[in-house]
Amino acid sequence: MKIIKRYSMILCFVIILFIIPQIVIGLEILIWDNDNGSYINDPEGAGYVGCQYALQQALMTNGESYTTLSTLPSDLSNYDLIFITLGHWCLG
């Protein structure tokens, strides 16, 4: 019983130390728009939009901030999460 209690305390400590700061501080998110200018017709009525549009809408809906770039930065160490759009039937 003491062992379980000890592991529970260690687990709580790890959660407080590592996970909660990520939630509070937030993530640095990059959307790399590497789709050669591809567009798709949005089925929800937004017309023709870039392939990154759905990702941007999902992130905004969830209150996340992000950066969208069409060129990949040489230093990616500033980002915690990277999404890459490659287009819709991209031939280039």
N, C-alpha and C. Protein backbone atom coordinates (compact mmCIF):
# COMPACT_ATOMS: atom_id res chain seq x y z
N MET A 1 0.81 -1.19 0.00
CA MET A 1 0.00 0.00 0.00
C MET A 1 0.86 1.26 0.00
N LYS A 2 1.96 1.24 0.75
CA LYS A 2 2.87 2.38 0.78
C LYS A 2 3.48 2.64 -0.59
N ILE A 3 3.79 1.53 -1.30
CA ILE A 3 4.41 1.66 -2.62
C ILE A 3 3.45 2.34 -3.59
N ILE A 4 2.19 1.96 -3.58
CA ILE A 4 1.19 2.56 -4.47
C ILE A 4 1.04 4.04 -4.15
N LYS A 5 1.00 4.37 -2.89
CA LYS A 5 0.86 5.76 -2.48
C LYS A 5 2.07 6.58 -2.94
N ARG A 6 3.24 5.98 -2.84
CA ARG A 6 4.46 6.68 -3.26
C ARG A 6 4.45 6.92 -4.77
N TYR A 7 4.08 5.89 -5.55
CA TYR A 7 4.02 6.06 -7.00
C TYR A 7 2.96 7.08 -7.40
N SER A 8 1.87 7.13 -6.68
CA SER A 8 0.83 8.13 -6.96
C SER A 8 1.36 9.54 -6.74
N MET A 9 2.12 9.70 -5.68
CA MET A 9 2.71 11.01 -5.41
C MET A 9 3.71 11.40 -6.48
N ILE A 10 4.52 10.45 -6.92
CA ILE A 10 5.50 10.71 -7.97
C ILE A 10 4.79 11.08 -9.27
N LEU A 11 3.72 10.35 -9.60
CA LEU A 11 2.96 10.64 -10.81
C LEU A 11 2.35 12.04 -10.75
N CYS A 12 1.79 12.42 -9.63
CA CYS A 12 1.23 13.77 -9.47
C CYS A 12 2.31 14.82 -9.64
N PHE A 13 3.48 14.57 -9.09
CA PHE A 13 4.59 15.51 -9.21
C PHE A 13 5.00 15.68 -10.67
N VAL A 14 5.09 14.57 -11.41
CA VAL A 14 5.46 14.62 -12.83
C VAL A 14 4.42 15.40 -13.63
N ILE A 15 3.15 15.17 -13.36
CA ILE A 15 2.09 15.88 -14.07
C ILE A 15 2.18 17.38 -13.80
N ILE A 16 2.36 17.74 -12.55
CA ILE A 16 2.46 19.16 -12.20
C ILE A 16 3.68 19.79 -12.82
N LEU A 17 4.80 19.09 -12.82
CA LEU A 17 6.05 19.66 -13.28
C LEU A 17 6.14 19.76 -14.80
N PHE A 18 5.64 18.78 -15.53
CA PHE A 18 5.86 18.73 -16.97
C PHE A 18 4.63 19.00 -17.83
N ILE A 19 3.48 18.53 -17.43
CA ILE A 19 2.30 18.62 -18.30
C ILE A 19 1.56 19.93 -18.13
N ILE A 20 1.32 20.35 -16.92
CA ILE A 20 0.55 21.57 -16.69
C ILE A 20 1.20 22.80 -17.31
N PRO A 21 2.53 22.98 -17.22
CA PRO A 21 3.12 24.16 -17.88
C PRO A 21 2.86 24.20 -19.38
N GLN A 22 2.82 23.05 -20.05
CA GLN A 22 2.53 23.03 -21.48
C GLN A 22 1.11 23.50 -21.77
N ILE A 23 0.19 23.15 -20.89
CA ILE A 23 -1.20 23.56 -21.07
C ILE A 23 -1.34 25.05 -20.83
N VAL A 24 -0.71 25.55 -19.79
CA VAL A 24 -0.82 26.96 -19.44
C VAL A 24 -0.08 27.85 -20.43
N ILE A 25 1.15 27.47 -20.75
CA ILE A 25 1.98 28.28 -21.64
C ILE A 25 1.51 28.15 -23.08
N GLY A 26 1.09 26.99 -23.48
CA GLY A 26 0.64 26.76 -24.84
C GLY A 26 1.78 26.24 -25.71
N LEU A 27 1.43 25.86 -26.90
CA LEU A 27 2.39 25.32 -27.85
C LEU A 27 2.73 26.34 -28.92
N GLU A 28 3.93 26.25 -29.42
CA GLU A 28 4.31 27.01 -30.61
C GLU A 28 4.03 26.10 -31.81
N ILE A 29 3.04 26.48 -32.60
CA ILE A 29 2.58 25.62 -33.69
C ILE A 29 2.92 26.26 -35.03
N LEU A 30 3.48 25.47 -35.93
CA LEU A 30 3.78 25.91 -37.29
C LEU A 30 2.95 25.11 -38.27
N ILE A 31 2.31 25.80 -39.19
CA ILE A 31 1.67 25.15 -40.33
C ILE A 31 2.53 25.50 -41.54
N TRP A 32 3.19 24.48 -42.09
CA TRP A 32 4.02 24.70 -43.27
C TRP A 32 3.15 24.44 -44.50
N ASP A 33 2.82 25.49 -45.20
CA ASP A 33 1.96 25.43 -46.38
C ASP A 33 2.81 25.07 -47.59
N ASN A 34 3.03 23.78 -47.78
CA ASN A 34 3.92 23.28 -48.83
C ASN A 34 3.11 22.56 -49.90
N ASP A 35 2.06 23.21 -50.38
CA ASP A 35 1.15 22.54 -51.32
C ASP A 35 1.17 23.16 -52.72
N ASN A 36 2.19 23.95 -53.02
CA ASN A 36 2.33 24.57 -54.34
C ASN A 36 1.11 25.39 -54.74
N GLY A 37 0.51 26.05 -53.77
CA GLY A 37 -0.64 26.91 -54.05
C GLY A 37 -1.93 26.17 -54.36
N SER A 38 -2.05 24.93 -53.92
CA SER A 38 -3.26 24.15 -54.17
C SER A 38 -4.45 24.72 -53.42
N TYR A 39 -5.61 24.63 -54.04
CA TYR A 39 -6.86 25.07 -53.42
C TYR A 39 -7.89 23.96 -53.54
N ILE A 40 -8.79 23.94 -52.57
CA ILE A 40 -9.89 22.98 -52.60
C ILE A 40 -11.19 23.73 -52.36
N ASN A 41 -12.28 23.14 -52.78
CA ASN A 41 -13.59 23.72 -52.56
C ASN A 41 -14.07 23.28 -51.18
N ASP A 42 -14.25 24.24 -50.28
CA ASP A 42 -14.66 23.93 -48.92
C ASP A 42 -16.10 23.44 -48.91
N PRO A 43 -16.37 22.24 -48.40
CA PRO A 43 -17.73 21.71 -48.39
C PRO A 43 -18.66 22.46 -47.44
N GLU A 44 -18.10 23.29 -46.55
CA GLU A 44 -18.92 24.04 -45.61
C GLU A 44 -19.24 25.45 -46.12
N GLY A 45 -18.90 25.73 -47.37
CA GLY A 45 -19.34 26.95 -47.99
C GLY A 45 -18.39 28.13 -47.99
N ALA A 46 -17.13 27.93 -47.65
CA ALA A 46 -16.18 29.04 -47.65
C ALA A 46 -15.58 29.29 -49.02
N GLY A 47 -16.04 28.57 -50.03
CA GLY A 47 -15.51 28.73 -51.39
C GLY A 47 -14.21 27.97 -51.56
N TYR A 48 -13.37 28.46 -52.46
CA TYR A 48 -12.07 27.84 -52.68
C TYR A 48 -11.09 28.35 -51.64
N VAL A 49 -10.50 27.42 -50.91
CA VAL A 49 -9.59 27.77 -49.82
C VAL A 49 -8.30 26.97 -49.96
N GLY A 50 -7.24 27.45 -49.33
CA GLY A 50 -5.98 26.72 -49.32
C GLY A 50 -6.12 25.43 -48.52
N CYS A 51 -5.24 24.50 -48.79
CA CYS A 51 -5.31 23.20 -48.12
C CYS A 51 -5.06 23.31 -46.62
N GLN A 52 -4.48 24.40 -46.17
CA GLN A 52 -4.22 24.59 -44.75
C GLN A 52 -5.44 25.15 -44.01
N TYR A 53 -6.48 25.51 -44.71
CA TYR A 53 -7.64 26.19 -44.12
C TYR A 53 -8.30 25.39 -42.99
N ALA A 54 -8.50 24.11 -43.19
CA ALA A 54 -9.17 23.29 -42.16
C ALA A 54 -8.32 23.20 -40.90
N LEU A 55 -7.00 23.08 -41.06
CA LEU A 55 -6.12 23.07 -39.89
C LEU A 55 -6.21 24.39 -39.13
N GLN A 56 -6.18 25.49 -39.87
CA GLN A 56 -6.25 26.80 -39.23
C GLN A 56 -7.57 26.99 -38.49
N GLN A 57 -8.66 26.55 -39.10
CA GLN A 57 -9.97 26.69 -38.45
C GLN A 57 -10.05 25.83 -37.18
N ALA A 58 -9.51 24.63 -37.24
CA ALA A 58 -9.54 23.74 -36.07
C ALA A 58 -8.71 24.33 -34.92
N LEU A 59 -7.55 24.87 -35.25
CA LEU A 59 -6.71 25.46 -34.21
C LEU A 59 -7.36 26.71 -33.62
N MET A 60 -7.94 27.55 -34.47
CA MET A 60 -8.60 28.76 -33.97
C MET A 60 -9.80 28.41 -33.09
N THR A 61 -10.57 27.41 -33.51
CA THR A 61 -11.73 26.98 -32.73
C THR A 61 -11.33 26.53 -31.33
N ASN A 62 -10.15 25.92 -31.23
CA ASN A 62 -9.67 25.42 -29.95
C ASN A 62 -8.81 26.44 -29.20
N GLY A 63 -8.77 27.67 -29.70
CA GLY A 63 -8.07 28.74 -29.00
C GLY A 63 -6.56 28.68 -29.08
N GLU A 64 -6.04 27.98 -30.07
CA GLU A 64 -4.59 27.88 -30.23
C GLU A 64 -4.09 28.93 -31.22
N SER A 65 -2.93 29.48 -30.94
CA SER A 65 -2.30 30.39 -31.89
C SER A 65 -1.30 29.59 -32.72
N TYR A 66 -1.06 30.03 -33.93
CA TYR A 66 -0.19 29.30 -34.84
C TYR A 66 0.45 30.28 -35.81
N THR A 67 1.45 29.79 -36.52
CA THR A 67 2.11 30.54 -37.58
C THR A 67 2.00 29.73 -38.85
N THR A 68 1.62 30.38 -39.95
CA THR A 68 1.56 29.71 -41.24
C THR A 68 2.63 30.29 -42.14
N LEU A 69 3.49 29.43 -42.69
CA LEU A 69 4.56 29.86 -43.57
C LEU A 69 4.56 29.00 -44.83
N SER A 70 4.96 29.59 -45.95
CA SER A 70 5.06 28.81 -47.19
C SER A 70 6.48 28.29 -47.41
N THR A 71 7.44 28.77 -46.63
CA THR A 71 8.80 28.25 -46.69
C THR A 71 9.16 27.70 -45.32
N LEU A 72 9.89 26.62 -45.31
CA LEU A 72 10.28 25.98 -44.06
C LEU A 72 11.45 26.73 -43.45
N PRO A 73 11.34 27.19 -42.21
CA PRO A 73 12.46 27.88 -41.58
C PRO A 73 13.65 26.94 -41.39
N SER A 74 14.83 27.49 -41.40
CA SER A 74 16.02 26.66 -41.21
C SER A 74 16.14 26.17 -39.77
N ASP A 75 15.57 26.92 -38.82
CA ASP A 75 15.62 26.53 -37.41
C ASP A 75 14.21 26.24 -36.93
N LEU A 76 13.93 24.96 -36.66
CA LEU A 76 12.61 24.55 -36.20
C LEU A 76 12.55 24.37 -34.69
N SER A 77 13.60 24.70 -34.00
CA SER A 77 13.65 24.47 -32.56
C SER A 77 12.66 25.34 -31.79
N ASN A 78 12.13 26.39 -32.41
CA ASN A 78 11.16 27.26 -31.73
C ASN A 78 9.76 26.67 -31.71
N TYR A 79 9.53 25.62 -32.48
CA TYR A 79 8.19 25.05 -32.62
C TYR A 79 8.06 23.73 -31.87
N ASP A 80 6.90 23.57 -31.22
CA ASP A 80 6.61 22.33 -30.51
C ASP A 80 5.85 21.34 -31.39
N LEU A 81 5.13 21.87 -32.38
CA LEU A 81 4.27 21.04 -33.23
C LEU A 81 4.30 21.61 -34.64
N ILE A 82 4.47 20.75 -35.63
CA ILE A 82 4.54 21.20 -37.03
C ILE A 82 3.55 20.38 -37.85
N PHE A 83 2.65 21.10 -38.56
CA PHE A 83 1.75 20.47 -39.53
C PHE A 83 2.28 20.83 -40.91
N ILE A 84 2.25 19.86 -41.83
CA ILE A 84 2.71 20.10 -43.20
C ILE A 84 1.57 19.77 -44.15
N THR A 85 1.18 20.75 -44.97
CA THR A 85 0.16 20.47 -45.99
C THR A 85 0.89 20.22 -47.30
N LEU A 86 0.54 19.14 -47.95
CA LEU A 86 1.19 18.76 -49.20
C LEU A 86 0.26 18.89 -50.40
N GLY A 87 -0.94 19.41 -50.17
CA GLY A 87 -1.84 19.68 -51.27
C GLY A 87 -2.79 18.54 -51.57
N HIS A 88 -3.59 18.80 -52.58
CA HIS A 88 -4.58 17.86 -53.06
C HIS A 88 -4.16 17.44 -54.45
N TRP A 89 -3.71 16.24 -54.59
CA TRP A 89 -3.19 15.73 -55.85
C TRP A 89 -2.07 16.62 -56.36
N CYS A 90 -1.17 16.94 -55.46
CA CYS A 90 -0.05 17.84 -55.79
C CYS A 90 0.96 17.12 -56.67
N LEU A 91 1.22 17.64 -57.85
CA LEU A 91 2.15 17.00 -58.78
C LEU A 91 3.52 17.66 -58.76
N GLY A 92 3.66 18.80 -58.09
CA GLY A 92 4.91 19.57 -58.15
C GLY A 92 5.82 19.28 -57.10
